[in-house]
């Protein structure tokens, strides 16, 4: 079966702060090798509301490009840099980054909003096979760290990187049901990391530099969650990258494996591993 890859832009269903027109979602979809069930289960999707400000590195991002604006997520990895997906920044000119947020539609004293014009995508990012889907946003000035805005830990160079069978968490403000509406509060969900071989039986394009999260039970990321963190314990191991159109249940989600890009992150940020 031929696999088709597209970037789909789906109109947002609600207003956002400081936005004069609703941004769209930028999300990569993969036509799976297996037929899609018609049953649709809410994903984060089927998640839960995060304890407010319990994920202090989570970033909500509005990217502006020549052809419109779109929503993504990211993670603060140093006072100067936000980590996200390449497909979130590849066509962007600027990014409005919200840190310290929980309810994105209400004023919050913890919120910090920063606009950056320094967006970097991996030079070998490939849309066809969704390879090297990693990007960075450099903040114009360092953000002040506190309990509500803080950095996430990344794997070390000698880190254990076979996470198969382990329970990991993904979070974001994306759609809570495929084709539905976004969440105004930060949501999170836990699921199991599956083998790349199993994931490849669904998609046929999974690389060693990727991680897949099981979709069993209808849980996982959806539109608006792209670029967000996949975390094991207190360590970010992945970046939300791709899934199936409509976010149907029981299909895995693909993530960029951070441990495969530590050299790249070191070369393009102020971090040293």
C-alpha atoms as a PDB file:
ATOM      1  CA  UNK A   1       0.000   0.000   0.000  1.00  0.00           C
ATOM      2  CA  UNK A   2       1.330   3.408  -0.905  1.00  0.00           C
ATOM      3  CA  UNK A   3       1.936   5.734   2.012  1.00  0.00           C
ATOM      4  CA  UNK A   4       1.149   9.420   1.526  1.00  0.00           C
ATOM      5  CA  UNK A   5       2.471  12.214   3.724  1.00  0.00           C
ATOM      6  CA  UNK A   6       0.841  15.617   3.938  1.00  0.00           C
ATOM      7  CA  UNK A   7       0.930  18.625   6.188  1.00  0.00           C
ATOM      8  CA  UNK A   8      -2.653  19.494   6.980  1.00  0.00           C
ATOM      9  CA  UNK A   9      -3.836  22.863   8.235  1.00  0.00           C
ATOM     10  CA  UNK A  10      -7.117  22.683  10.118  1.00  0.00           C
ATOM     11  CA  UNK A  11      -8.942  25.810  11.290  1.00  0.00           C
ATOM     12  CA  UNK A  12      -8.996  26.473  15.014  1.00  0.00           C
ATOM     13  CA  UNK A  13     -12.347  26.484  16.700  1.00  0.00           C
ATOM     14  CA  UNK A  14     -11.761  29.024  19.437  1.00  0.00           C
ATOM     15  CA  UNK A  15     -10.111  32.404  19.987  1.00  0.00           C
ATOM     16  CA  UNK A  16      -6.672  32.789  21.538  1.00  0.00           C
ATOM     17  CA  UNK A  17      -5.038  35.643  23.463  1.00  0.00           C
ATOM     18  CA  UNK A  18      -3.389  38.371  21.431  1.00  0.00           C
ATOM     19  CA  UNK A  19      -4.563  36.793  18.160  1.00  0.00           C
ATOM     20  CA  UNK A  20      -6.520  38.885  15.689  1.00  0.00           C
ATOM     21  CA  UNK A  21      -7.419  35.896  13.563  1.00  0.00           C
ATOM     22  CA  UNK A  22      -7.453  32.257  14.565  1.00  0.00           C
ATOM     23  CA  UNK A  23      -4.235  30.422  13.769  1.00  0.00           C
ATOM     24  CA  UNK A  24      -4.310  26.991  12.209  1.00  0.00           C
ATOM     25  CA  UNK A  25      -2.753  23.734  13.325  1.00  0.00           C
ATOM     26  CA  UNK A  26       0.384  22.456  11.696  1.00  0.00           C
ATOM     27  CA  UNK A  27       0.444  18.689  11.947  1.00  0.00           C
ATOM     28  CA  UNK A  28       1.987  15.928   9.850  1.00  0.00           C
ATOM     29  CA  UNK A  29      -0.302  13.074   8.929  1.00  0.00           C
ATOM     30  CA  UNK A  30       0.661   9.658   7.648  1.00  0.00           C
ATOM     31  CA  UNK A  31      -1.613   7.404   5.627  1.00  0.00           C
ATOM     32  CA  UNK A  32      -1.319   4.178   7.661  1.00  0.00           C
ATOM     33  CA  UNK A  33      -0.696   0.747   6.204  1.00  0.00           C
ATOM     34  CA  UNK A  34      -3.637  -0.618   8.207  1.00  0.00           C
ATOM     35  CA  UNK A  35      -7.277   0.459   7.663  1.00  0.00           C
ATOM     36  CA  UNK A  36      -8.651   3.112  10.004  1.00  0.00           C
ATOM     37  CA  UNK A  37     -11.523   2.273  12.328  1.00  0.00           C
ATOM     38  CA  UNK A  38     -14.539   4.582  12.136  1.00  0.00           C
ATOM     39  CA  UNK A  39     -14.703   4.718  15.934  1.00  0.00           C
ATOM     40  CA  UNK A  40     -13.298   7.977  17.319  1.00  0.00           C
ATOM     41  CA  UNK A  41     -12.243   8.225  20.963  1.00  0.00           C
ATOM     42  CA  UNK A  42     -11.158  11.490  22.615  1.00  0.00           C
ATOM     43  CA  UNK A  43      -7.322  11.608  22.923  1.00  0.00           C
ATOM     44  CA  UNK A  44      -5.305  14.828  24.677  1.00  0.00           C
ATOM     45  CA  UNK A  45      -7.157  12.899  23.485  1.00  0.00           C
ATOM     46  CA  UNK A  46      -8.513  10.772  26.365  1.00  0.00           C
ATOM     47  CA  UNK A  47      -6.175  12.614  28.670  1.00  0.00           C
ATOM     48  CA  UNK A  48      -6.581  14.512  31.884  1.00  0.00           C
ATOM     49  CA  UNK A  49      -6.078  18.108  32.881  1.00  0.00           C
ATOM     50  CA  UNK A  50      -2.544  18.649  34.116  1.00  0.00           C
ATOM     51  CA  UNK A  51      -2.100  20.059  37.601  1.00  0.00           C
ATOM     52  CA  UNK A  52      -1.690  23.793  36.867  1.00  0.00           C
ATOM     53  CA  UNK A  53       1.974  24.691  36.275  1.00  0.00           C
ATOM     54  CA  UNK A  54       3.171  21.171  37.036  1.00  0.00           C
ATOM     55  CA  UNK A  55       4.894  21.073  33.624  1.00  0.00           C
ATOM     56  CA  UNK A  56       6.837  24.352  33.849  1.00  0.00           C
ATOM     57  CA  UNK A  57       8.816  23.767  30.651  1.00  0.00           C
ATOM     58  CA  UNK A  58       5.740  23.407  28.419  1.00  0.00           C
ATOM     59  CA  UNK A  59       5.502  26.069  25.711  1.00  0.00           C
ATOM     60  CA  UNK A  60       2.466  27.115  23.678  1.00  0.00           C
ATOM     61  CA  UNK A  61       3.603  28.499  20.332  1.00  0.00           C
ATOM     62  CA  UNK A  62       1.954  30.585  17.608  1.00  0.00           C
ATOM     63  CA  UNK A  63       4.170  30.645  14.515  1.00  0.00           C
ATOM     64  CA  UNK A  64       3.702  33.277  11.806  1.00  0.00           C
ATOM     65  CA  UNK A  65       4.784  32.547   8.254  1.00  0.00           C
ATOM     66  CA  UNK A  66       4.257  34.100   4.861  1.00  0.00           C
ATOM     67  CA  UNK A  67       1.139  31.984   4.322  1.00  0.00           C
ATOM     68  CA  UNK A  68      -0.588  32.312   7.675  1.00  0.00           C
ATOM     69  CA  UNK A  69      -0.210  31.333  11.297  1.00  0.00           C
ATOM     70  CA  UNK A  70      -0.304  27.990  13.049  1.00  0.00           C
ATOM     71  CA  UNK A  71      -0.237  26.447  16.506  1.00  0.00           C
ATOM     72  CA  UNK A  72       2.415  24.158  17.942  1.00  0.00           C
ATOM     73  CA  UNK A  73       3.911  23.186  21.270  1.00  0.00           C
ATOM     74  CA  UNK A  74       7.452  23.062  22.559  1.00  0.00           C
ATOM     75  CA  UNK A  75       9.624  22.744  25.634  1.00  0.00           C
ATOM     76  CA  UNK A  76      12.013  25.133  27.339  1.00  0.00           C
ATOM     77  CA  UNK A  77      15.448  23.482  27.384  1.00  0.00           C
ATOM     78  CA  UNK A  78      17.474  26.490  28.560  1.00  0.00           C
ATOM     79  CA  UNK A  79      16.645  30.106  29.459  1.00  0.00           C
ATOM     80  CA  UNK A  80      17.453  30.934  25.823  1.00  0.00           C
ATOM     81  CA  UNK A  81      15.959  28.082  23.767  1.00  0.00           C
ATOM     82  CA  UNK A  82      12.680  26.294  23.123  1.00  0.00           C
ATOM     83  CA  UNK A  83      12.802  22.862  21.512  1.00  0.00           C
ATOM     84  CA  UNK A  84      10.073  21.946  19.013  1.00  0.00           C
ATOM     85  CA  UNK A  85       9.503  20.069  15.745  1.00  0.00           C
ATOM     86  CA  UNK A  86      11.108  21.113  12.454  1.00  0.00           C
ATOM     87  CA  UNK A  87       7.714  21.076  10.749  1.00  0.00           C
ATOM     88  CA  UNK A  88       6.544  23.708  13.246  1.00  0.00           C
ATOM     89  CA  UNK A  89       9.228  26.246  12.310  1.00  0.00           C
ATOM     90  CA  UNK A  90      10.305  25.323   8.774  1.00  0.00           C
ATOM     91  CA  UNK A  91       8.125  27.960   7.065  1.00  0.00           C
ATOM     92  CA  UNK A  92       7.951  30.366   9.981  1.00  0.00           C
ATOM     93  CA  UNK A  93       9.154  33.954  10.174  1.00  0.00           C
ATOM     94  CA  UNK A  94       8.409  34.564  13.845  1.00  0.00           C
ATOM     95  CA  UNK A  95       7.095  32.702  16.869  1.00  0.00           C
ATOM     96  CA  UNK A  96       5.083  33.949  19.813  1.00  0.00           C
ATOM     97  CA  UNK A  97       6.030  31.729  22.750  1.00  0.00           C
ATOM     98  CA  UNK A  98       3.850  31.403  25.842  1.00  0.00           C
ATOM     99  CA  UNK A  99       5.577  30.070  28.956  1.00  0.00           C
ATOM    100  CA  UNK A 100       4.107  29.563  32.419  1.00  0.00           C
ATOM    101  CA  UNK A 101       0.603  29.033  31.024  1.00  0.00           C
ATOM    102  CA  UNK A 102      -2.125  26.625  32.047  1.00  0.00           C
ATOM    103  CA  UNK A 103      -5.439  28.094  30.859  1.00  0.00           C
ATOM    104  CA  UNK A 104      -4.471  29.660  27.577  1.00  0.00           C
ATOM    105  CA  UNK A 105      -7.706  31.682  27.327  1.00  0.00           C
ATOM    106  CA  UNK A 106      -7.462  33.421  30.687  1.00  0.00           C
ATOM    107  CA  UNK A 107      -4.969  35.982  32.032  1.00  0.00           C
ATOM    108  CA  UNK A 108      -2.378  34.375  34.307  1.00  0.00           C
ATOM    109  CA  UNK A 109       0.160  36.142  36.505  1.00  0.00           C
ATOM    110  CA  UNK A 110       2.636  33.327  35.794  1.00  0.00           C
ATOM    111  CA  UNK A 111       2.537  33.771  32.022  1.00  0.00           C
ATOM    112  CA  UNK A 112       5.519  35.033  30.073  1.00  0.00           C
ATOM    113  CA  UNK A 113       5.050  35.862  26.369  1.00  0.00           C
ATOM    114  CA  UNK A 114       8.115  36.216  24.168  1.00  0.00           C
ATOM    115  CA  UNK A 115       8.318  36.902  20.424  1.00  0.00           C
ATOM    116  CA  UNK A 116      11.249  35.413  18.547  1.00  0.00           C
ATOM    117  CA  UNK A 117      12.453  35.889  14.980  1.00  0.00           C
ATOM    118  CA  UNK A 118      15.175  33.271  15.308  1.00  0.00           C
ATOM    119  CA  UNK A 119      13.713  29.922  14.208  1.00  0.00           C
ATOM    120  CA  UNK A 120      15.884  26.962  13.214  1.00  0.00           C
ATOM    121  CA  UNK A 121      14.860  23.676  11.604  1.00  0.00           C
ATOM    122  CA  UNK A 122      17.242  20.762  11.110  1.00  0.00           C
ATOM    123  CA  UNK A 123      18.856  21.299   7.702  1.00  0.00           C
ATOM    124  CA  UNK A 124      18.143  17.683   6.737  1.00  0.00           C
ATOM    125  CA  UNK A 125      14.488  17.714   7.734  1.00  0.00           C
ATOM    126  CA  UNK A 126      12.621  15.618   5.183  1.00  0.00           C
ATOM    127  CA  UNK A 127       8.887  15.955   4.779  1.00  0.00           C
ATOM    128  CA  UNK A 128       8.520  12.810   2.664  1.00  0.00           C
ATOM    129  CA  UNK A 129       9.716  10.384   5.334  1.00  0.00           C
ATOM    130  CA  UNK A 130       9.364  12.808   8.273  1.00  0.00           C
ATOM    131  CA  UNK A 131      13.044  12.517   9.084  1.00  0.00           C
ATOM    132  CA  UNK A 132      15.023  14.855  11.377  1.00  0.00           C
ATOM    133  CA  UNK A 133      11.858  16.529  12.626  1.00  0.00           C
ATOM    134  CA  UNK A 134      13.527  18.758  15.203  1.00  0.00           C
ATOM    135  CA  UNK A 135      13.718  22.518  15.502  1.00  0.00           C
ATOM    136  CA  UNK A 136      14.605  25.357  17.853  1.00  0.00           C
ATOM    137  CA  UNK A 137      13.348  28.794  18.760  1.00  0.00           C
ATOM    138  CA  UNK A 138      15.963  31.121  20.217  1.00  0.00           C
ATOM    139  CA  UNK A 139      14.487  33.629  22.634  1.00  0.00           C
ATOM    140  CA  UNK A 140      15.659  37.251  22.245  1.00  0.00           C
ATOM    141  CA  UNK A 141      16.593  37.491  25.936  1.00  0.00           C
ATOM    142  CA  UNK A 142      16.918  34.792  28.605  1.00  0.00           C
ATOM    143  CA  UNK A 143      13.727  34.082  30.519  1.00  0.00           C
ATOM    144  CA  UNK A 144      13.831  34.170  34.287  1.00  0.00           C
ATOM    145  CA  UNK A 145      13.388  30.704  35.749  1.00  0.00           C
ATOM    146  CA  UNK A 146      11.102  30.001  38.681  1.00  0.00           C
ATOM    147  CA  UNK A 147       8.677  27.302  39.796  1.00  0.00           C
ATOM    148  CA  UNK A 148       6.233  28.167  36.980  1.00  0.00           C
ATOM    149  CA  UNK A 149       8.744  28.633  34.151  1.00  0.00           C
ATOM    150  CA  UNK A 150      11.633  26.199  34.143  1.00  0.00           C
ATOM    151  CA  UNK A 151      13.715  23.940  31.907  1.00  0.00           C
ATOM    152  CA  UNK A 152      13.287  20.251  31.210  1.00  0.00           C
ATOM    153  CA  UNK A 153      16.095  17.724  31.510  1.00  0.00           C
ATOM    154  CA  UNK A 154      17.327  16.018  28.342  1.00  0.00           C
ATOM    155  CA  UNK A 155      19.031  12.618  28.045  1.00  0.00           C
ATOM    156  CA  UNK A 156      22.802  12.492  28.468  1.00  0.00           C
ATOM    157  CA  UNK A 157      25.148  11.288  25.737  1.00  0.00           C
ATOM    158  CA  UNK A 158      25.423   7.899  27.429  1.00  0.00           C
ATOM    159  CA  UNK A 159      21.701   7.668  28.187  1.00  0.00           C
ATOM    160  CA  UNK A 160      19.745   4.434  27.986  1.00  0.00           C
ATOM    161  CA  UNK A 161      17.723   4.976  24.819  1.00  0.00           C
ATOM    162  CA  UNK A 162      15.658   1.803  24.342  1.00  0.00           C
ATOM    163  CA  UNK A 163      12.484   2.919  26.064  1.00  0.00           C
ATOM    164  CA  UNK A 164      10.306   0.101  24.772  1.00  0.00           C
ATOM    165  CA  UNK A 165       7.651  -0.971  27.281  1.00  0.00           C
ATOM    166  CA  UNK A 166       8.106   2.053  29.500  1.00  0.00           C
ATOM    167  CA  UNK A 167       5.353   4.481  30.454  1.00  0.00           C
ATOM    168  CA  UNK A 168       5.792   8.022  29.116  1.00  0.00           C
ATOM    169  CA  UNK A 169       3.741  11.209  29.198  1.00  0.00           C
ATOM    170  CA  UNK A 170       2.782  13.590  26.390  1.00  0.00           C
ATOM    171  CA  UNK A 171       1.143  16.974  26.984  1.00  0.00           C
ATOM    172  CA  UNK A 172      -0.363  19.897  25.130  1.00  0.00           C
ATOM    173  CA  UNK A 173      -3.328  22.127  24.369  1.00  0.00           C
ATOM    174  CA  UNK A 174      -4.247  20.333  21.138  1.00  0.00           C
ATOM    175  CA  UNK A 175      -7.543  18.826  20.046  1.00  0.00           C
ATOM    176  CA  UNK A 176      -9.272  16.699  22.663  1.00  0.00           C
ATOM    177  CA  UNK A 177     -11.086  14.764  19.951  1.00  0.00           C
ATOM    178  CA  UNK A 178     -10.165  14.287  16.304  1.00  0.00           C
ATOM    179  CA  UNK A 179     -11.985  16.965  14.319  1.00  0.00           C
ATOM    180  CA  UNK A 180     -13.147  18.607  17.555  1.00  0.00           C
ATOM    181  CA  UNK A 181     -11.928  21.583  19.544  1.00  0.00           C
ATOM    182  CA  UNK A 182      -8.757  22.477  21.363  1.00  0.00           C
ATOM    183  CA  UNK A 183      -8.393  22.390  25.111  1.00  0.00           C
ATOM    184  CA  UNK A 184      -8.107  25.735  26.866  1.00  0.00           C
ATOM    185  CA  UNK A 185      -6.186  24.069  29.697  1.00  0.00           C
ATOM    186  CA  UNK A 186      -3.007  22.030  29.463  1.00  0.00           C
ATOM    187  CA  UNK A 187      -3.764  18.331  29.118  1.00  0.00           C
ATOM    188  CA  UNK A 188      -1.572  15.294  29.664  1.00  0.00           C
ATOM    189  CA  UNK A 189      -1.807  11.569  29.046  1.00  0.00           C
ATOM    190  CA  UNK A 190       0.371   8.537  29.684  1.00  0.00           C
ATOM    191  CA  UNK A 191       0.913   5.632  27.339  1.00  0.00           C
ATOM    192  CA  UNK A 192       3.444   2.910  26.574  1.00  0.00           C
ATOM    193  CA  UNK A 193       6.448   3.219  24.295  1.00  0.00           C
ATOM    194  CA  UNK A 194       6.292   0.490  21.645  1.00  0.00           C
ATOM    195  CA  UNK A 195       9.024  -0.998  19.494  1.00  0.00           C
ATOM    196  CA  UNK A 196       9.914   0.679  16.228  1.00  0.00           C
ATOM    197  CA  UNK A 197       9.227  -2.613  14.459  1.00  0.00           C
ATOM    198  CA  UNK A 198       5.648  -2.656  15.726  1.00  0.00           C
ATOM    199  CA  UNK A 199       5.198   1.007  14.867  1.00  0.00           C
ATOM    200  CA  UNK A 200       6.601   0.377  11.405  1.00  0.00           C
ATOM    201  CA  UNK A 201       3.892  -2.215  10.791  1.00  0.00           C
ATOM    202  CA  UNK A 202       1.462   0.731  10.908  1.00  0.00           C
ATOM    203  CA  UNK A 203       3.445   3.342   8.997  1.00  0.00           C
ATOM    204  CA  UNK A 204       6.355   1.793   7.108  1.00  0.00           C
ATOM    205  CA  UNK A 205       8.623   4.833   7.572  1.00  0.00           C
ATOM    206  CA  UNK A 206       9.783   4.618  11.189  1.00  0.00           C
ATOM    207  CA  UNK A 207      13.490   5.335  11.651  1.00  0.00           C
ATOM    208  CA  UNK A 208      15.887   4.525  14.483  1.00  0.00           C
ATOM    209  CA  UNK A 209      15.912   8.228  15.337  1.00  0.00           C
ATOM    210  CA  UNK A 210      12.206   8.082  16.207  1.00  0.00           C
ATOM    211  CA  UNK A 211      10.111   6.769  19.106  1.00  0.00           C
ATOM    212  CA  UNK A 212       6.527   5.567  18.951  1.00  0.00           C
ATOM    213  CA  UNK A 213       3.857   5.707  21.612  1.00  0.00           C
ATOM    214  CA  UNK A 214       1.027   3.196  21.654  1.00  0.00           C
ATOM    215  CA  UNK A 215      -2.407   4.496  20.727  1.00  0.00           C
ATOM    216  CA  UNK A 216      -4.227   1.647  22.480  1.00  0.00           C
ATOM    217  CA  UNK A 217      -7.192   3.001  24.399  1.00  0.00           C
ATOM    218  CA  UNK A 218      -7.438   6.035  22.151  1.00  0.00           C
ATOM    219  CA  UNK A 219      -4.760   8.098  23.874  1.00  0.00           C
ATOM    220  CA  UNK A 220      -2.081  10.302  22.357  1.00  0.00           C
ATOM    221  CA  UNK A 221      -1.358  13.708  20.818  1.00  0.00           C
ATOM    222  CA  UNK A 222      -3.467  15.422  18.172  1.00  0.00           C
ATOM    223  CA  UNK A 223      -3.623  18.713  16.231  1.00  0.00           C
ATOM    224  CA  UNK A 224      -1.947  21.511  18.166  1.00  0.00           C
ATOM    225  CA  UNK A 225       0.341  19.163  20.100  1.00  0.00           C
ATOM    226  CA  UNK A 226       3.083  19.037  17.439  1.00  0.00           C
ATOM    227  CA  UNK A 227       6.511  19.885  18.798  1.00  0.00           C
ATOM    228  CA  UNK A 228       5.506  19.147  22.380  1.00  0.00           C
ATOM    229  CA  UNK A 229       7.400  17.015  24.883  1.00  0.00           C
ATOM    230  CA  UNK A 230       7.286  13.262  25.392  1.00  0.00           C
ATOM    231  CA  UNK A 231       8.626  12.770  28.919  1.00  0.00           C
ATOM    232  CA  UNK A 232       9.792   9.752  30.878  1.00  0.00           C
ATOM    233  CA  UNK A 233      10.041  10.595  34.551  1.00  0.00           C
ATOM    234  CA  UNK A 234      11.593  14.058  34.588  1.00  0.00           C
ATOM    235  CA  UNK A 235      13.434  13.652  31.290  1.00  0.00           C
ATOM    236  CA  UNK A 236      12.206  14.587  27.821  1.00  0.00           C
ATOM    237  CA  UNK A 237      12.853  11.722  25.433  1.00  0.00           C
ATOM    238  CA  UNK A 238      10.816  12.752  22.398  1.00  0.00           C
ATOM    239  CA  UNK A 239       9.235  15.555  20.353  1.00  0.00           C
ATOM    240  CA  UNK A 240       5.696  15.114  19.025  1.00  0.00           C
ATOM    241  CA  UNK A 241       6.017  14.596  15.278  1.00  0.00           C
ATOM    242  CA  UNK A 242       3.293  12.700  13.361  1.00  0.00           C
ATOM    243  CA  UNK A 243       0.132  10.623  13.494  1.00  0.00           C
ATOM    244  CA  UNK A 244      -2.960   9.666  11.513  1.00  0.00           C
ATOM    245  CA  UNK A 245      -5.457  12.197  10.151  1.00  0.00           C
ATOM    246  CA  UNK A 246      -8.345  12.592  12.576  1.00  0.00           C
ATOM    247  CA  UNK A 247      -6.318  11.086  15.452  1.00  0.00           C
ATOM    248  CA  UNK A 248      -8.259   7.795  15.447  1.00  0.00           C
ATOM    249  CA  UNK A 249      -7.857   5.360  18.359  1.00  0.00           C
ATOM    250  CA  UNK A 250      -5.378   2.484  18.455  1.00  0.00           C
ATOM    251  CA  UNK A 251      -2.858   4.072  16.074  1.00  0.00           C
ATOM    252  CA  UNK A 252       0.620   4.908  17.375  1.00  0.00           C
ATOM    253  CA  UNK A 253       2.034   8.421  17.425  1.00  0.00           C
ATOM    254  CA  UNK A 254       5.522   9.176  16.137  1.00  0.00           C
ATOM    255  CA  UNK A 255       8.086  11.267  18.021  1.00  0.00           C
ATOM    256  CA  UNK A 256      11.588  12.487  17.258  1.00  0.00           C
ATOM    257  CA  UNK A 257      14.047  10.629  19.520  1.00  0.00           C
ATOM    258  CA  UNK A 258      15.988  13.344  21.360  1.00  0.00           C
ATOM    259  CA  UNK A 259      18.891  11.047  22.236  1.00  0.00           C
ATOM    260  CA  UNK A 260      19.653  10.823  18.498  1.00  0.00           C
ATOM    261  CA  UNK A 261      20.080  14.597  18.223  1.00  0.00           C
ATOM    262  CA  UNK A 262      22.124  15.603  21.263  1.00  0.00           C
ATOM    263  CA  UNK A 263      25.086  16.607  19.087  1.00  0.00           C
ATOM    264  CA  UNK A 264      22.793  18.763  16.939  1.00  0.00           C
ATOM    265  CA  UNK A 265      21.242  20.404  20.010  1.00  0.00           C
ATOM    266  CA  UNK A 266      24.706  21.080  21.435  1.00  0.00           C
ATOM    267  CA  UNK A 267      25.832  22.656  18.160  1.00  0.00           C
ATOM    268  CA  UNK A 268      22.822  24.973  17.938  1.00  0.00           C
ATOM    269  CA  UNK A 269      22.212  25.950  21.579  1.00  0.00           C
ATOM    270  CA  UNK A 270      24.093  26.858  24.740  1.00  0.00           C
ATOM    271  CA  UNK A 271      23.642  23.358  26.170  1.00  0.00           C
ATOM    272  CA  UNK A 272      26.553  20.987  26.725  1.00  0.00           C
ATOM    273  CA  UNK A 273      26.141  17.243  27.282  1.00  0.00           C
END
